[in-house]
Amino acid sequence: MKASIVGASGYSGLELIRLLLSHPEVEINTIVSPSNAGTNVHDVFPHLTNIQVSQFEALDIEELACESDVIFFATPAGVSGQSAPLLLNKGVPIIDLSGDFRLKNGDLYEKWYNHSSPPEGALTEAVYGLSEYYSEDIKSANLIANPGCYPTATLLGLLPIIQKGWADPSSLIIDGKSGLSGAGRKTSLTAHYSEVNENVSAYKLGKHQHIPEIEQVISNQIGENVNVSFSTHLVPLTRGMMCSMYVNLSHDRSEAEVIELYQSIYKDHPFIRVMPEGNWPSTKGVSGSNYCDIGLSVDPRTNRLTIISVIDNLMKGAAGQAVQNMNLRFGYPETAGLSLSPVFP
């Protein structure tokens, strides 16, 4: 199958290249980077010596449609929202790694992303690509909205206990910490080495664009409107993400009961690993892999559950989940091209 990547010079695009090069059923056909169009790939990224595509291309809708069986958009917000609908009309399946199609409400998108909303028809057609919860919809989708990194870690950690009715959804508090690659390759003062090294800083408190995405999915899954308290922090890591979540339990539950619930729900999902009692996940434990590791702790004094969820933000939080969605969509084994052990240490 021929795959094309739009936005191939960003971190998520580069991860897509790395994964698709080892995928048994896929050949990379075109890599699009308007800022590098006409430039030799090896000149920009010397580590890509085994890629058969020689040059970055400009974005040409007609050419992409003719030469692609699937197209990945690994672009900043606002790009795929304009280009993807044109390709949809030509019948090419699209997996979008940006936030353009995650929110079903166009007004909400414009409020949180500060871009014009994609066409309403495309928003309606888009399927949310949280692989473990929307797999049946993904299998027939022509537009898959890959979840954000924070929502992936958060939702995989929260949904089992919320769906079961064992926790109060109005009490949700999420404390997220992300490595620097989550901000992409663009240069900025916040990405400056001397600003980030040996420093932890909070950002976008109460204003992060992933807030409505998290709320939308939880509300959809349990059938009632939910608001969350969500804080985000930048930590001096290249890649990796940890979300610590706190929720009040509806009734007394032991830690063993909660762990058993999570293990039963995720037992058939190859990329979710529920930690045994007394063990806690770390970002290093999933680095370079498509795993999400989840640890659980019940405090009987406060009747509160603490959930620790970690992912590699460029893998399960972006490119890895995009390939997982492609596998579901085209009927390949879910783990195809993704059987990578974490890089440790």
C-alpha atoms as a PDB file:
ATOM      1  CA  MET A   1       0.000   0.000   0.000  1.00  0.00           C
ATOM      2  CA  LYS A   2       1.258   3.471  -0.877  1.00  0.00           C
ATOM      3  CA  ALA A   3       1.317   6.006   1.948  1.00  0.00           C
ATOM      4  CA  SER A   4       1.983   9.730   1.738  1.00  0.00           C
ATOM      5  CA  ILE A   5       2.925  12.030   4.601  1.00  0.00           C
ATOM      6  CA  VAL A   6       2.072  15.721   4.604  1.00  0.00           C
ATOM      7  CA  GLY A   7       4.202  17.577   7.122  1.00  0.00           C
ATOM      8  CA  ALA A   8       7.030  15.072   6.933  1.00  0.00           C
ATOM      9  CA  SER A   9       9.720  17.333   8.408  1.00  0.00           C
ATOM     10  CA  GLY A  10       8.135  17.715  11.848  1.00  0.00           C
ATOM     11  CA  TYR A  11       8.735  15.344  14.748  1.00  0.00           C
ATOM     12  CA  SER A  12       5.484  13.402  14.248  1.00  0.00           C
ATOM     13  CA  GLY A  13       6.115  13.188  10.504  1.00  0.00           C
ATOM     14  CA  LEU A  14       9.624  11.860  11.092  1.00  0.00           C
ATOM     15  CA  GLU A  15       8.242   9.236  13.480  1.00  0.00           C
ATOM     16  CA  LEU A  16       5.759   8.197  10.800  1.00  0.00           C
ATOM     17  CA  ILE A  17       8.637   7.731   8.368  1.00  0.00           C
ATOM     18  CA  ARG A  18      10.539   5.628  10.910  1.00  0.00           C
ATOM     19  CA  LEU A  19       7.544   3.390  11.579  1.00  0.00           C
ATOM     20  CA  LEU A  20       6.353   3.007   7.997  1.00  0.00           C
ATOM     21  CA  LEU A  21       9.840   2.055   6.798  1.00  0.00           C
ATOM     22  CA  SER A  22       9.515  -1.137   8.841  1.00  0.00           C
ATOM     23  CA  HIS A  23       5.831  -1.784   8.137  1.00  0.00           C
ATOM     24  CA  PRO A  24       5.377  -5.053   6.202  1.00  0.00           C
ATOM     25  CA  GLU A  25       2.456  -3.803   4.086  1.00  0.00           C
ATOM     26  CA  VAL A  26       3.311  -0.155   3.360  1.00  0.00           C
ATOM     27  CA  GLU A  27       5.588   1.737   1.018  1.00  0.00           C
ATOM     28  CA  ILE A  28       6.218   5.459   1.541  1.00  0.00           C
ATOM     29  CA  ASN A  29       5.327   7.078  -1.764  1.00  0.00           C
ATOM     30  CA  THR A  30       5.426  10.842  -1.181  1.00  0.00           C
ATOM     31  CA  ILE A  31       6.642  13.065   1.643  1.00  0.00           C
ATOM     32  CA  VAL A  32       5.362  16.631   1.582  1.00  0.00           C
ATOM     33  CA  SER A  33       7.090  19.558   3.261  1.00  0.00           C
ATOM     34  CA  PRO A  34       6.329  22.933   1.646  1.00  0.00           C
ATOM     35  CA  SER A  35       9.200  24.595   3.510  1.00  0.00           C
ATOM     36  CA  ASN A  36      11.664  21.995   2.130  1.00  0.00           C
ATOM     37  CA  ALA A  37      10.066  21.337  -1.283  1.00  0.00           C
ATOM     38  CA  GLY A  38      12.652  20.269  -3.859  1.00  0.00           C
ATOM     39  CA  THR A  39      15.288  19.605  -1.216  1.00  0.00           C
ATOM     40  CA  ASN A  40      17.003  16.238  -0.943  1.00  0.00           C
ATOM     41  CA  VAL A  41      15.744  14.345   2.107  1.00  0.00           C
ATOM     42  CA  HIS A  42      19.262  13.232   3.049  1.00  0.00           C
ATOM     43  CA  ASP A  43      20.461  16.855   3.086  1.00  0.00           C
ATOM     44  CA  VAL A  44      17.875  17.805   5.707  1.00  0.00           C
ATOM     45  CA  PHE A  45      17.898  14.562   7.697  1.00  0.00           C
ATOM     46  CA  PRO A  46      21.151  12.613   7.194  1.00  0.00           C
ATOM     47  CA  HIS A  47      19.864   9.759   9.364  1.00  0.00           C
ATOM     48  CA  LEU A  48      17.264   8.831   6.718  1.00  0.00           C
ATOM     49  CA  THR A  49      19.607   6.818   4.518  1.00  0.00           C
ATOM     50  CA  ASN A  50      17.198   3.925   3.874  1.00  0.00           C
ATOM     51  CA  ILE A  51      14.222   5.896   2.554  1.00  0.00           C
ATOM     52  CA  GLN A  52      13.547   5.450  -1.161  1.00  0.00           C
ATOM     53  CA  VAL A  53      11.867   8.838  -1.598  1.00  0.00           C
ATOM     54  CA  SER A  54      14.617  11.242  -2.609  1.00  0.00           C
ATOM     55  CA  GLN A  55      13.018  14.687  -2.251  1.00  0.00           C
ATOM     56  CA  PHE A  56      10.466  16.606  -0.250  1.00  0.00           C
ATOM     57  CA  GLU A  57       7.512  17.665  -2.385  1.00  0.00           C
ATOM     58  CA  ALA A  58       5.174  20.649  -2.371  1.00  0.00           C
ATOM     59  CA  LEU A  59       1.507  20.067  -1.517  1.00  0.00           C
ATOM     60  CA  ASP A  60      -0.306  19.066  -4.716  1.00  0.00           C
ATOM     61  CA  ILE A  61      -3.829  17.774  -4.031  1.00  0.00           C
ATOM     62  CA  GLU A  62      -4.330  16.159  -7.437  1.00  0.00           C
ATOM     63  CA  GLU A  63      -1.000  14.367  -7.368  1.00  0.00           C
ATOM     64  CA  LEU A  64      -1.479  13.127  -3.810  1.00  0.00           C
ATOM     65  CA  ALA A  65      -4.914  11.781  -4.619  1.00  0.00           C
ATOM     66  CA  CYS A  66      -3.623   9.873  -7.653  1.00  0.00           C
ATOM     67  CA  GLU A  67      -0.567   8.386  -5.987  1.00  0.00           C
ATOM     68  CA  SER A  68      -1.769   7.520  -2.455  1.00  0.00           C
ATOM     69  CA  ASP A  69      -3.784   4.753  -0.829  1.00  0.00           C
ATOM     70  CA  VAL A  70      -3.673   6.591   2.505  1.00  0.00           C
ATOM     71  CA  ILE A  71      -2.509  10.066   3.469  1.00  0.00           C
ATOM     72  CA  PHE A  72      -1.215  11.170   6.868  1.00  0.00           C
ATOM     73  CA  PHE A  73      -1.392  14.838   7.833  1.00  0.00           C
ATOM     74  CA  ALA A  74       1.267  15.648  10.456  1.00  0.00           C
ATOM     75  CA  THR A  75       0.760  19.392  10.146  1.00  0.00           C
ATOM     76  CA  PRO A  76       0.086  22.312  12.491  1.00  0.00           C
ATOM     77  CA  ALA A  77      -3.525  23.191  13.291  1.00  0.00           C
ATOM     78  CA  GLY A  78      -5.345  24.907  10.452  1.00  0.00           C
ATOM     79  CA  VAL A  79      -3.612  23.126   7.548  1.00  0.00           C
ATOM     80  CA  SER A  80      -5.450  19.808   7.216  1.00  0.00           C
ATOM     81  CA  GLY A  81      -8.779  21.502   7.902  1.00  0.00           C
ATOM     82  CA  GLN A  82      -8.504  23.193   4.518  1.00  0.00           C
ATOM     83  CA  SER A  83      -6.728  20.487   2.469  1.00  0.00           C
ATOM     84  CA  ALA A  84      -8.148  17.219   3.789  1.00  0.00           C
ATOM     85  CA  PRO A  85     -11.755  17.860   2.633  1.00  0.00           C
ATOM     86  CA  LEU A  86     -10.483  18.258  -0.942  1.00  0.00           C
ATOM     87  CA  LEU A  87      -8.822  14.850  -0.757  1.00  0.00           C
ATOM     88  CA  LEU A  88     -11.882  13.305   0.882  1.00  0.00           C
ATOM     89  CA  ASN A  89     -13.899  14.264  -2.173  1.00  0.00           C
ATOM     90  CA  LYS A  90     -11.467  12.168  -4.219  1.00  0.00           C
ATOM     91  CA  GLY A  91     -11.976   9.114  -2.019  1.00  0.00           C
ATOM     92  CA  VAL A  92      -8.555   8.942  -0.353  1.00  0.00           C
ATOM     93  CA  PRO A  93      -8.585   7.822   3.325  1.00  0.00           C
ATOM     94  CA  ILE A  94      -6.925  10.355   5.623  1.00  0.00           C
ATOM     95  CA  ILE A  95      -5.414  10.087   9.084  1.00  0.00           C
ATOM     96  CA  ASP A  96      -4.988  13.546  10.591  1.00  0.00           C
ATOM     97  CA  LEU A  97      -2.536  14.019  13.464  1.00  0.00           C
ATOM     98  CA  SER A  98      -3.453  17.673  14.036  1.00  0.00           C
ATOM     99  CA  GLY A  99      -6.408  18.909  16.071  1.00  0.00           C
ATOM    100  CA  ASP A 100      -8.500  20.074  13.119  1.00  0.00           C
ATOM    101  CA  PHE A 101     -11.107  17.304  13.151  1.00  0.00           C
ATOM    102  CA  ARG A 102     -11.163  16.198  16.784  1.00  0.00           C
ATOM    103  CA  LEU A 103     -13.867  18.578  17.969  1.00  0.00           C
ATOM    104  CA  LYS A 104     -17.331  18.107  16.521  1.00  0.00           C
ATOM    105  CA  ASN A 105     -18.387  21.682  17.217  1.00  0.00           C
ATOM    106  CA  GLY A 106     -16.847  24.163  14.747  1.00  0.00           C
ATOM    107  CA  ASP A 107     -17.419  27.151  17.059  1.00  0.00           C
ATOM    108  CA  LEU A 108     -15.627  25.316  19.847  1.00  0.00           C
ATOM    109  CA  TYR A 109     -12.707  24.598  17.525  1.00  0.00           C
ATOM    110  CA  GLU A 110     -12.393  28.268  16.564  1.00  0.00           C
ATOM    111  CA  LYS A 111     -12.506  29.320  20.225  1.00  0.00           C
ATOM    112  CA  TRP A 112      -9.749  26.954  21.395  1.00  0.00           C
ATOM    113  CA  TYR A 113      -7.534  26.763  18.284  1.00  0.00           C
ATOM    114  CA  ASN A 114      -7.912  30.308  16.916  1.00  0.00           C
ATOM    115  CA  HIS A 115      -8.331  29.029  13.352  1.00  0.00           C
ATOM    116  CA  SER A 116     -11.291  28.940  10.990  1.00  0.00           C
ATOM    117  CA  SER A 117     -13.274  25.756  11.434  1.00  0.00           C
ATOM    118  CA  PRO A 118     -13.066  22.984   8.830  1.00  0.00           C
ATOM    119  CA  PRO A 119     -16.267  22.391   6.810  1.00  0.00           C
ATOM    120  CA  GLU A 120     -19.141  21.037   8.886  1.00  0.00           C
ATOM    121  CA  GLY A 121     -19.499  17.992   6.641  1.00  0.00           C
ATOM    122  CA  ALA A 122     -15.908  16.950   7.285  1.00  0.00           C
ATOM    123  CA  LEU A 123     -16.314  17.410  11.044  1.00  0.00           C
ATOM    124  CA  THR A 124     -19.387  15.184  10.913  1.00  0.00           C
ATOM    125  CA  GLU A 125     -17.599  12.523   8.873  1.00  0.00           C
ATOM    126  CA  ALA A 126     -14.466  12.436  11.031  1.00  0.00           C
ATOM    127  CA  VAL A 127     -14.074   9.492  13.415  1.00  0.00           C
ATOM    128  CA  TYR A 128     -12.156  10.005  16.635  1.00  0.00           C
ATOM    129  CA  GLY A 129      -9.112   7.739  16.497  1.00  0.00           C
ATOM    130  CA  LEU A 130      -8.711   6.561  20.079  1.00  0.00           C
ATOM    131  CA  SER A 131      -7.931   3.036  18.931  1.00  0.00           C
ATOM    132  CA  GLU A 132      -9.005   1.139  22.046  1.00  0.00           C
ATOM    133  CA  TYR A 133     -12.472   2.726  22.198  1.00  0.00           C
ATOM    134  CA  TYR A 134     -13.521   3.495  18.624  1.00  0.00           C
ATOM    135  CA  SER A 135     -12.034   0.578  16.694  1.00  0.00           C
ATOM    136  CA  GLU A 136     -15.279  -0.436  14.966  1.00  0.00           C
ATOM    137  CA  ASP A 137     -15.862   3.103  13.687  1.00  0.00           C
ATOM    138  CA  ILE A 138     -12.219   3.400  12.618  1.00  0.00           C
ATOM    139  CA  LYS A 139     -12.467   0.264  10.457  1.00  0.00           C
ATOM    140  CA  SER A 140     -14.822   1.988   8.016  1.00  0.00           C
ATOM    141  CA  ALA A 141     -13.675   5.622   8.360  1.00  0.00           C
ATOM    142  CA  ASN A 142     -12.266   7.741   5.548  1.00  0.00           C
ATOM    143  CA  LEU A 143     -11.253  10.551   7.897  1.00  0.00           C
ATOM    144  CA  ILE A 144      -9.647   9.587  11.194  1.00  0.00           C
ATOM    145  CA  ALA A 145      -8.905  12.321  13.721  1.00  0.00           C
ATOM    146  CA  ASN A 146      -5.883  11.070  15.637  1.00  0.00           C
ATOM    147  CA  PRO A 147      -6.224  12.087  19.309  1.00  0.00           C
ATOM    148  CA  GLY A 148      -3.920  14.574  20.969  1.00  0.00           C
ATOM    149  CA  CYS A 149      -1.117  13.315  23.199  1.00  0.00           C
ATOM    150  CA  TYR A 150      -2.566  14.568  26.498  1.00  0.00           C
ATOM    151  CA  PRO A 151      -6.076  13.252  25.679  1.00  0.00           C
ATOM    152  CA  THR A 152      -4.659   9.839  24.758  1.00  0.00           C
ATOM    153  CA  ALA A 153      -2.857   9.394  28.071  1.00  0.00           C
ATOM    154  CA  THR A 154      -5.737  10.916  30.033  1.00  0.00           C
ATOM    155  CA  LEU A 155      -8.634   9.079  28.415  1.00  0.00           C
ATOM    156  CA  LEU A 156      -6.960   5.670  28.502  1.00  0.00           C
ATOM    157  CA  GLY A 157      -6.398   6.209  32.214  1.00  0.00           C
ATOM    158  CA  LEU A 158      -9.822   7.603  33.112  1.00  0.00           C
ATOM    159  CA  LEU A 159     -12.419   5.891  30.940  1.00  0.00           C
ATOM    160  CA  PRO A 160     -12.509   2.442  32.611  1.00  0.00           C
ATOM    161  CA  ILE A 161     -13.344   3.783  36.070  1.00  0.00           C
ATOM    162  CA  ILE A 162     -15.736   6.470  34.757  1.00  0.00           C
ATOM    163  CA  GLN A 163     -17.597   4.124  32.392  1.00  0.00           C
ATOM    164  CA  LYS A 164     -18.011   1.547  35.160  1.00  0.00           C
ATOM    165  CA  GLY A 165     -19.656   4.178  37.366  1.00  0.00           C
ATOM    166  CA  TRP A 166     -17.167   3.657  40.157  1.00  0.00           C
ATOM    167  CA  ALA A 167     -16.047   7.291  40.255  1.00  0.00           C
ATOM    168  CA  ASP A 168     -17.593  10.755  40.365  1.00  0.00           C
ATOM    169  CA  PRO A 169     -16.920  12.408  36.970  1.00  0.00           C
ATOM    170  CA  SER A 170     -17.457  15.881  38.439  1.00  0.00           C
ATOM    171  CA  SER A 171     -14.357  15.467  40.627  1.00  0.00           C
ATOM    172  CA  LEU A 172     -11.792  14.939  37.834  1.00  0.00           C
ATOM    173  CA  ILE A 173      -8.415  16.636  38.249  1.00  0.00           C
ATOM    174  CA  ILE A 174      -5.681  16.042  35.655  1.00  0.00           C
ATOM    175  CA  ASP A 175      -2.047  17.037  36.142  1.00  0.00           C
ATOM    176  CA  GLY A 176      -0.101  16.615  32.885  1.00  0.00           C
ATOM    177  CA  LYS A 177       3.643  16.773  32.255  1.00  0.00           C
ATOM    178  CA  SER A 178       5.168  16.675  28.781  1.00  0.00           C
ATOM    179  CA  GLY A 179       8.599  16.548  27.239  1.00  0.00           C
ATOM    180  CA  LEU A 180       9.787  19.261  24.887  1.00  0.00           C
ATOM    181  CA  SER A 181       9.122  17.428  21.602  1.00  0.00           C
ATOM    182  CA  GLY A 182       5.404  17.899  22.246  1.00  0.00           C
ATOM    183  CA  ALA A 183       5.862  21.509  21.173  1.00  0.00           C
ATOM    184  CA  GLY A 184       7.154  20.475  17.733  1.00  0.00           C
ATOM    185  CA  ARG A 185      10.291  21.614  15.874  1.00  0.00           C
ATOM    186  CA  LYS A 186       9.475  25.295  15.623  1.00  0.00           C
ATOM    187  CA  THR A 187      11.858  27.600  17.447  1.00  0.00           C
ATOM    188  CA  SER A 188      10.669  29.666  20.394  1.00  0.00           C
ATOM    189  CA  LEU A 189      11.929  31.021  23.670  1.00  0.00           C
ATOM    190  CA  THR A 190      10.050  28.321  25.597  1.00  0.00           C
ATOM    191  CA  ALA A 191      11.996  25.688  23.649  1.00  0.00           C
ATOM    192  CA  HIS A 192      15.366  27.337  24.284  1.00  0.00           C
ATOM    193  CA  TYR A 193      17.789  24.941  26.007  1.00  0.00           C
ATOM    194  CA  SER A 194      18.796  27.342  28.769  1.00  0.00           C
ATOM    195  CA  GLU A 195      15.116  28.071  29.515  1.00  0.00           C
ATOM    196  CA  VAL A 196      14.051  24.428  29.677  1.00  0.00           C
ATOM    197  CA  ASN A 197      17.057  22.621  31.155  1.00  0.00           C
ATOM    198  CA  GLU A 198      16.814  21.968  34.916  1.00  0.00           C
ATOM    199  CA  ASN A 199      13.416  23.637  34.966  1.00  0.00           C
ATOM    200  CA  VAL A 200       9.751  22.656  35.285  1.00  0.00           C
ATOM    201  CA  SER A 201       7.164  25.218  34.229  1.00  0.00           C
ATOM    202  CA  ALA A 202       3.380  25.364  34.022  1.00  0.00           C
ATOM    203  CA  TYR A 203       1.710  26.637  30.865  1.00  0.00           C
ATOM    204  CA  LYS A 204      -1.759  27.219  29.352  1.00  0.00           C
ATOM    205  CA  LEU A 205      -3.497  26.696  32.697  1.00  0.00           C
ATOM    206  CA  GLY A 206      -7.221  26.425  32.022  1.00  0.00           C
ATOM    207  CA  LYS A 207      -6.626  27.337  28.366  1.00  0.00           C
ATOM    208  CA  HIS A 208      -5.076  24.248  26.792  1.00  0.00           C
ATOM    209  CA  GLN A 209      -6.718  23.237  23.507  1.00  0.00           C
ATOM    210  CA  HIS A 210      -6.928  19.612  24.660  1.00  0.00           C
ATOM    211  CA  ILE A 211      -9.433  20.461  27.414  1.00  0.00           C
ATOM    212  CA  PRO A 212     -12.559  20.390  25.188  1.00  0.00           C
ATOM    213  CA  GLU A 213     -11.291  17.221  23.482  1.00  0.00           C
ATOM    214  CA  ILE A 214     -11.019  15.381  26.795  1.00  0.00           C
ATOM    215  CA  GLU A 215     -14.404  16.668  27.941  1.00  0.00           C
ATOM    216  CA  GLN A 216     -16.072  15.772  24.623  1.00  0.00           C
ATOM    217  CA  VAL A 217     -14.930  12.146  24.689  1.00  0.00           C
ATOM    218  CA  ILE A 218     -15.737  11.500  28.358  1.00  0.00           C
ATOM    219  CA  SER A 219     -19.156  13.116  27.919  1.00  0.00           C
ATOM    220  CA  ASN A 220     -19.781  10.997  24.819  1.00  0.00           C
ATOM    221  CA  GLN A 221     -18.748   7.802  26.577  1.00  0.00           C
ATOM    222  CA  ILE A 222     -20.935   8.243  29.676  1.00  0.00           C
ATOM    223  CA  GLY A 223     -23.839  10.255  28.236  1.00  0.00           C
ATOM    224  CA  GLU A 224     -23.563  13.334  30.451  1.00  0.00           C
ATOM    225  CA  ASN A 225     -21.681  16.622  30.273  1.00  0.00           C
ATOM    226  CA  VAL A 226     -18.377  16.586  32.127  1.00  0.00           C
ATOM    227  CA  ASN A 227     -15.934  19.380  32.962  1.00  0.00           C
ATOM    228  CA  VAL A 228     -12.353  18.688  34.047  1.00  0.00           C
ATOM    229  CA  SER A 229      -9.637  20.620  35.843  1.00  0.00           C
ATOM    230  CA  PHE A 230      -6.559  20.264  33.658  1.00  0.00           C
ATOM    231  CA  SER A 231      -3.085  21.673  34.284  1.00  0.00           C
ATOM    232  CA  THR A 232      -0.063  21.193  32.022  1.00  0.00           C
ATOM    233  CA  HIS A 233       3.666  21.400  32.694  1.00  0.00           C
ATOM    234  CA  LEU A 234       6.794  21.344  30.564  1.00  0.00           C
ATOM    235  CA  VAL A 235       9.558  19.105  31.911  1.00  0.00           C
ATOM    236  CA  PRO A 236      13.165  18.774  30.668  1.00  0.00           C
ATOM    237  CA  LEU A 237      12.676  15.595  28.628  1.00  0.00           C
ATOM    238  CA  THR A 238      13.076  15.173  24.894  1.00  0.00           C
ATOM    239  CA  ARG A 239      10.076  12.844  24.674  1.00  0.00           C
ATOM    240  CA  GLY A 240       7.622  11.367  27.126  1.00  0.00           C
ATOM    241  CA  MET A 241       4.426  12.315  28.915  1.00  0.00           C
ATOM    242  CA  MET A 242       2.926  11.568  32.315  1.00  0.00           C
ATOM    243  CA  CYS A 243      -0.630  12.358  33.372  1.00  0.00           C
ATOM    244  CA  SER A 244      -1.489  12.067  37.062  1.00  0.00           C
ATOM    245  CA  MET A 245      -5.265  11.969  37.547  1.00  0.00           C
ATOM    246  CA  TYR A 246      -7.337  12.196  40.695  1.00  0.00           C
ATOM    247  CA  VAL A 247     -10.994  11.225  41.048  1.00  0.00           C
ATOM    248  CA  ASN A 248     -13.314  10.537  43.972  1.00  0.00           C
ATOM    249  CA  LEU A 249     -14.641   6.985  44.149  1.00  0.00           C
ATOM    250  CA  SER A 250     -18.426   6.567  44.355  1.00  0.00           C
ATOM    251  CA  HIS A 251     -18.144   3.688  46.851  1.00  0.00           C
ATOM    252  CA  ASP A 252     -15.393   1.990  48.812  1.00  0.00           C
ATOM    253  CA  ARG A 253     -13.167   0.018  46.450  1.00  0.00           C
ATOM    254  CA  SER A 254      -9.923  -1.775  47.150  1.00  0.00           C
ATOM    255  CA  GLU A 255      -6.845  -1.180  45.037  1.00  0.00           C
ATOM    256  CA  ALA A 256      -6.944  -4.826  43.952  1.00  0.00           C
ATOM    257  CA  GLU A 257     -10.540  -4.405  42.720  1.00  0.00           C
ATOM    258  CA  VAL A 258      -9.659  -1.357  40.638  1.00  0.00           C
ATOM    259  CA  ILE A 259      -6.589  -3.011  39.116  1.00  0.00           C
ATOM    260  CA  GLU A 260      -8.649  -6.081  38.252  1.00  0.00           C
ATOM    261  CA  LEU A 261     -11.218  -3.847  36.514  1.00  0.00           C
ATOM    262  CA  TYR A 262      -8.552  -2.216  34.356  1.00  0.00           C
ATOM    263  CA  GLN A 263      -6.896  -5.514  33.547  1.00  0.00           C
ATOM    264  CA  SER A 264     -10.214  -7.012  32.430  1.00  0.00           C
ATOM    265  CA  ILE A 265     -11.042  -4.041  30.209  1.00  0.00           C
ATOM    266  CA  TYR A 266      -7.618  -3.862  28.547  1.00  0.00           C
ATOM    267  CA  LYS A 267      -6.765  -7.580  28.406  1.00  0.00           C
ATOM    268  CA  ASP A 268      -7.275  -7.768  24.621  1.00  0.00           C
ATOM    269  CA  HIS A 269      -5.530  -4.465  23.835  1.00  0.00           C
ATOM    270  CA  PRO A 270      -1.853  -5.112  23.073  1.00  0.00           C
ATOM    271  CA  PHE A 271      -0.554  -1.604  23.767  1.00  0.00           C
ATOM    272  CA  ILE A 272      -2.107  -1.034  27.212  1.00  0.00           C
ATOM    273  CA  ARG A 273      -0.143  -2.363  30.166  1.00  0.00           C
ATOM    274  CA  VAL A 274      -1.761  -2.164  33.616  1.00  0.00           C
ATOM    275  CA  MET A 275       0.854  -2.207  36.349  1.00  0.00           C
ATOM    276  CA  PRO A 276       0.549  -4.659  39.264  1.00  0.00           C
ATOM    277  CA  GLU A 277      -0.252  -3.377  42.738  1.00  0.00           C
ATOM    278  CA  GLY A 278       2.494  -1.224  44.230  1.00  0.00           C
ATOM    279  CA  ASN A 279       4.175  -0.543  40.863  1.00  0.00           C
ATOM    280  CA  TRP A 280       4.213   2.786  39.041  1.00  0.00           C
ATOM    281  CA  PRO A 281       4.923   3.594  35.397  1.00  0.00           C
ATOM    282  CA  SER A 282       7.687   5.897  34.206  1.00  0.00           C
ATOM    283  CA  THR A 283       8.228   7.755  30.953  1.00  0.00           C
ATOM    284  CA  LYS A 284      11.458   5.845  30.329  1.00  0.00           C
ATOM    285  CA  GLY A 285       9.443   2.616  30.454  1.00  0.00           C
ATOM    286  CA  VAL A 286       7.544   3.502  27.258  1.00  0.00           C
ATOM    287  CA  SER A 287      10.107   5.627  25.379  1.00  0.00           C
ATOM    288  CA  GLY A 288      10.190   4.879  21.657  1.00  0.00           C
ATOM    289  CA  SER A 289       7.243   2.466  21.913  1.00  0.00           C
ATOM    290  CA  ASN A 290       3.486   2.527  21.341  1.00  0.00           C
ATOM    291  CA  TYR A 291       2.681   1.421  24.878  1.00  0.00           C
ATOM    292  CA  CYS A 292       0.547   3.210  27.430  1.00  0.00           C
ATOM    293  CA  ASP A 293       1.434   2.121  30.969  1.00  0.00           C
ATOM    294  CA  ILE A 294      -1.153   2.701  33.725  1.00  0.00           C
ATOM    295  CA  GLY A 295      -0.635   2.577  37.499  1.00  0.00           C
ATOM    296  CA  LEU A 296      -3.432   2.785  40.081  1.00  0.00           C
ATOM    297  CA  SER A 297      -3.575   3.705  43.759  1.00  0.00           C
ATOM    298  CA  VAL A 298      -6.571   3.891  46.093  1.00  0.00           C
ATOM    299  CA  ASP A 299      -6.296   6.074  49.210  1.00  0.00           C
ATOM    300  CA  PRO A 300      -8.851   4.684  51.708  1.00  0.00           C
ATOM    301  CA  ARG A 301      -8.518   7.790  53.906  1.00  0.00           C
ATOM    302  CA  THR A 302      -9.872  10.099  51.218  1.00  0.00           C
ATOM    303  CA  ASN A 303     -11.677   7.470  49.098  1.00  0.00           C
ATOM    304  CA  ARG A 304      -9.803   8.912  46.128  1.00  0.00           C
ATOM    305  CA  LEU A 305      -8.230   7.072  43.216  1.00  0.00           C
ATOM    306  CA  THR A 306      -4.911   8.217  41.740  1.00  0.00           C
ATOM    307  CA  ILE A 307      -4.234   7.129  38.150  1.00  0.00           C
ATOM    308  CA  ILE A 308      -0.781   7.474  36.584  1.00  0.00           C
ATOM    309  CA  SER A 309      -0.728   7.138  32.794  1.00  0.00           C
ATOM    310  CA  VAL A 310       2.437   7.444  30.691  1.00  0.00           C
ATOM    311  CA  ILE A 311       3.043   7.415  26.939  1.00  0.00           C
ATOM    312  CA  ASP A 312       5.701   8.468  24.474  1.00  0.00           C
ATOM    313  CA  ASN A 313       4.057  11.628  23.145  1.00  0.00           C
ATOM    314  CA  LEU A 314       5.450  11.071  19.626  1.00  0.00           C
ATOM    315  CA  MET A 315       4.383   7.412  19.517  1.00  0.00           C
ATOM    316  CA  LYS A 316       1.125   6.470  21.259  1.00  0.00           C
ATOM    317  CA  GLY A 317       0.482  10.212  21.451  1.00  0.00           C
ATOM    318  CA  ALA A 318       0.942  10.790  17.707  1.00  0.00           C
ATOM    319  CA  ALA A 319       2.637   8.651  15.013  1.00  0.00           C
ATOM    320  CA  GLY A 320       2.338   5.262  16.726  1.00  0.00           C
ATOM    321  CA  GLN A 321      -1.386   5.614  17.266  1.00  0.00           C
ATOM    322  CA  ALA A 322      -1.769   6.908  13.688  1.00  0.00           C
ATOM    323  CA  VAL A 323      -0.168   3.695  12.358  1.00  0.00           C
ATOM    324  CA  GLN A 324      -2.320   1.663  14.760  1.00  0.00           C
ATOM    325  CA  ASN A 325      -5.392   3.386  13.289  1.00  0.00           C
ATOM    326  CA  MET A 326      -4.159   2.685   9.767  1.00  0.00           C
ATOM    327  CA  ASN A 327      -3.801  -0.987  10.665  1.00  0.00           C
ATOM    328  CA  LEU A 328      -7.376  -1.077  11.967  1.00  0.00           C
ATOM    329  CA  ARG A 329      -8.709   0.793   8.941  1.00  0.00           C
ATOM    330  CA  PHE A 330      -7.075  -1.478   6.352  1.00  0.00           C
ATOM    331  CA  GLY A 331      -7.442  -4.799   8.147  1.00  0.00           C
ATOM    332  CA  TYR A 332      -3.784  -5.365   9.047  1.00  0.00           C
ATOM    333  CA  PRO A 333      -2.761  -6.853  12.405  1.00  0.00           C
ATOM    334  CA  GLU A 334      -3.089  -4.070  14.964  1.00  0.00           C
ATOM    335  CA  THR A 335       0.569  -4.418  15.969  1.00  0.00           C
ATOM    336  CA  ALA A 336       1.984  -4.374  12.405  1.00  0.00           C
ATOM    337  CA  GLY A 337       5.002  -2.078  12.267  1.00  0.00           C
ATOM    338  CA  LEU A 338       4.635  -1.298  15.972  1.00  0.00           C
ATOM    339  CA  SER A 339       6.226  -4.249  17.769  1.00  0.00           C
ATOM    340  CA  LEU A 340       8.944  -2.065  19.251  1.00  0.00           C
ATOM    341  CA  SER A 341      10.285  -2.545  22.764  1.00  0.00           C
ATOM    342  CA  PRO A 342      10.818   0.646  24.750  1.00  0.00           C
ATOM    343  CA  VAL A 343      14.294   2.169  24.495  1.00  0.00           C
ATOM    344  CA  PHE A 344      15.861   1.688  27.912  1.00  0.00           C
ATOM    345  CA  PRO A 345      17.757   3.280  29.493  1.00  0.00           C
END
